[in-house]
Amino acid sequence: EAVSIVGGGDSASAVHQSGYASRISHVSTGGGAALEFLSGNILPAVEVLDQM
């Protein structure tokens, strides 16, 4: 079994409109930032919050 992730507003909308959303593990409107986070990169805003 594979994990599938769709990220980005337009991509999420297309998946929902096509009827395939139930076949996707996770559909998010978060685009670039979500992909950066899933790649293990540090997000600047989260880093600042961690320092508070």
C-alpha atoms as a PDB file:
ATOM      1  CA  GLU A   1       0.000   0.000   0.000  1.00  0.00           C
ATOM      2  CA  ALA A   2       1.325   3.431  -0.933  1.00  0.00           C
ATOM      3  CA  VAL A   3       0.767   6.841   0.611  1.00  0.00           C
ATOM      4  CA  SER A   4      -0.331   9.552  -1.791  1.00  0.00           C
ATOM      5  CA  ILE A   5      -0.369  13.264  -1.006  1.00  0.00           C
ATOM      6  CA  VAL A   6      -1.799  16.083  -3.101  1.00  0.00           C
ATOM      7  CA  GLY A   7      -0.787  19.618  -2.169  1.00  0.00           C
ATOM      8  CA  GLY A   8      -1.879  22.993  -3.487  1.00  0.00           C
ATOM      9  CA  GLY A   9      -5.214  24.698  -3.899  1.00  0.00           C
ATOM     10  CA  ASP A  10      -5.636  24.045  -7.617  1.00  0.00           C
ATOM     11  CA  SER A  11      -4.481  20.438  -7.304  1.00  0.00           C
ATOM     12  CA  ALA A  12      -6.784  19.780  -4.344  1.00  0.00           C
ATOM     13  CA  SER A  13      -9.701  21.288  -6.236  1.00  0.00           C
ATOM     14  CA  ALA A  14      -8.979  19.164  -9.300  1.00  0.00           C
ATOM     15  CA  VAL A  15      -8.774  15.969  -7.227  1.00  0.00           C
ATOM     16  CA  HIS A  16     -12.093  16.720  -5.533  1.00  0.00           C
ATOM     17  CA  GLN A  17     -13.813  17.639  -8.808  1.00  0.00           C
ATOM     18  CA  SER A  18     -12.544  14.477 -10.500  1.00  0.00           C
ATOM     19  CA  GLY A  19     -13.971  12.287  -7.746  1.00  0.00           C
ATOM     20  CA  TYR A  20     -10.618  10.739  -6.850  1.00  0.00           C
ATOM     21  CA  ALA A  21     -10.186  12.396  -3.439  1.00  0.00           C
ATOM     22  CA  SER A  22     -11.230   9.214  -1.633  1.00  0.00           C
ATOM     23  CA  ARG A  23      -8.295   7.385  -3.265  1.00  0.00           C
ATOM     24  CA  ILE A  24      -5.722   9.896  -1.985  1.00  0.00           C
ATOM     25  CA  SER A  25      -4.199   9.512   1.491  1.00  0.00           C
ATOM     26  CA  HIS A  26      -4.124  13.247   2.167  1.00  0.00           C
ATOM     27  CA  VAL A  27      -5.393  16.235   0.184  1.00  0.00           C
ATOM     28  CA  SER A  28      -4.199  19.655   1.353  1.00  0.00           C
ATOM     29  CA  THR A  29      -4.647  23.187   0.088  1.00  0.00           C
ATOM     30  CA  GLY A  30      -1.171  23.909   1.447  1.00  0.00           C
ATOM     31  CA  GLY A  31       1.200  24.085  -1.488  1.00  0.00           C
ATOM     32  CA  GLY A  32       4.870  24.956  -1.316  1.00  0.00           C
ATOM     33  CA  ALA A  33       5.098  25.300   2.455  1.00  0.00           C
ATOM     34  CA  ALA A  34       3.398  21.950   3.022  1.00  0.00           C
ATOM     35  CA  LEU A  35       5.773  20.231   0.608  1.00  0.00           C
ATOM     36  CA  GLU A  36       8.771  21.889   2.274  1.00  0.00           C
ATOM     37  CA  PHE A  37       7.554  20.647   5.668  1.00  0.00           C
ATOM     38  CA  LEU A  38       6.972  17.099   4.390  1.00  0.00           C
ATOM     39  CA  SER A  39      10.484  17.157   2.901  1.00  0.00           C
ATOM     40  CA  GLY A  40      11.889  17.774   6.372  1.00  0.00           C
ATOM     41  CA  ASN A  41      12.903  21.381   5.791  1.00  0.00           C
ATOM     42  CA  ILE A  42      12.613  24.002   8.508  1.00  0.00           C
ATOM     43  CA  LEU A  43       9.881  26.563   7.875  1.00  0.00           C
ATOM     44  CA  PRO A  44      10.916  30.104   8.880  1.00  0.00           C
ATOM     45  CA  ALA A  45       7.640  30.919  10.655  1.00  0.00           C
ATOM     46  CA  VAL A  46       7.692  27.673  12.627  1.00  0.00           C
ATOM     47  CA  GLU A  47      11.315  28.289  13.575  1.00  0.00           C
ATOM     48  CA  VAL A  48      10.391  31.715  14.998  1.00  0.00           C
ATOM     49  CA  LEU A  49       7.484  30.226  16.944  1.00  0.00           C
ATOM     50  CA  ASP A  50       9.774  27.552  18.381  1.00  0.00           C
ATOM     51  CA  GLN A  51      12.065  30.292  19.707  1.00  0.00           C
ATOM     52  CA  MET A  52       9.250  32.039  21.599  1.00  0.00           C
END
